[in-house]
């Protein structure tokens, strides 16, 4: 019983992982995470 439940969960996880292999397209301009504007925005309240 435990082995069949384990195999069922393993198959479900493998199936889910197989369908989500591509990332969605990015919209807008990419901006580095550590840009001066972002650092100022994060540290402005400190």
Protein backbone atom coordinates (compact mmCIF):
# COMPACT_ATOMS: atom_id res chain seq x y z
CA UNK A 1 0.00 0.00 0.00
CA UNK A 2 2.75 2.45 0.96
CA UNK A 3 4.82 1.53 -2.09
CA UNK A 4 1.94 2.05 -4.50
CA UNK A 5 1.10 5.42 -2.91
CA UNK A 6 4.76 6.43 -3.18
CA UNK A 7 4.87 5.47 -6.85
CA UNK A 8 1.63 7.33 -7.54
CA UNK A 9 2.99 10.53 -5.92
CA UNK A 10 6.30 10.14 -7.73
CA UNK A 11 4.58 9.82 -11.10
CA UNK A 12 2.43 12.89 -10.35
CA UNK A 13 5.49 14.94 -9.42
CA UNK A 14 7.40 13.87 -12.51
CA UNK A 15 4.39 14.73 -14.70
CA UNK A 16 4.09 18.21 -13.16
CA UNK A 17 7.80 18.88 -13.52
CA UNK A 18 7.73 17.85 -17.16
CA UNK A 19 5.02 20.38 -18.08
CA UNK A 20 6.71 23.42 -16.50
CA UNK A 21 10.12 23.32 -18.18
CA UNK A 22 9.78 26.64 -20.03
CA UNK A 23 9.67 30.05 -18.39
CA UNK A 24 7.00 32.53 -19.44
CA UNK A 25 8.10 35.41 -21.66
CA UNK A 26 9.36 38.56 -19.92
CA UNK A 27 7.57 41.80 -20.69
CA UNK A 28 9.12 45.23 -20.37
CA UNK A 29 12.75 46.23 -20.01
CA UNK A 30 15.01 44.13 -17.86
CA UNK A 31 16.72 45.97 -15.02
CA UNK A 32 19.54 44.54 -12.88
CA UNK A 33 18.55 43.72 -9.32
CA UNK A 34 21.46 45.67 -7.86
CA UNK A 35 20.96 48.83 -9.88
CA UNK A 36 21.44 52.16 -8.04
CA UNK A 37 17.70 52.90 -8.26
CA UNK A 38 16.78 49.60 -6.61
CA UNK A 39 19.43 49.99 -3.89
CA UNK A 40 18.18 53.52 -3.15
CA UNK A 41 14.59 52.25 -3.01
CA UNK A 42 15.51 49.49 -0.57
CA UNK A 43 17.71 51.59 1.72
CA UNK A 44 15.67 54.82 1.64
CA UNK A 45 13.67 53.88 4.75
CA UNK A 46 16.72 52.87 6.83
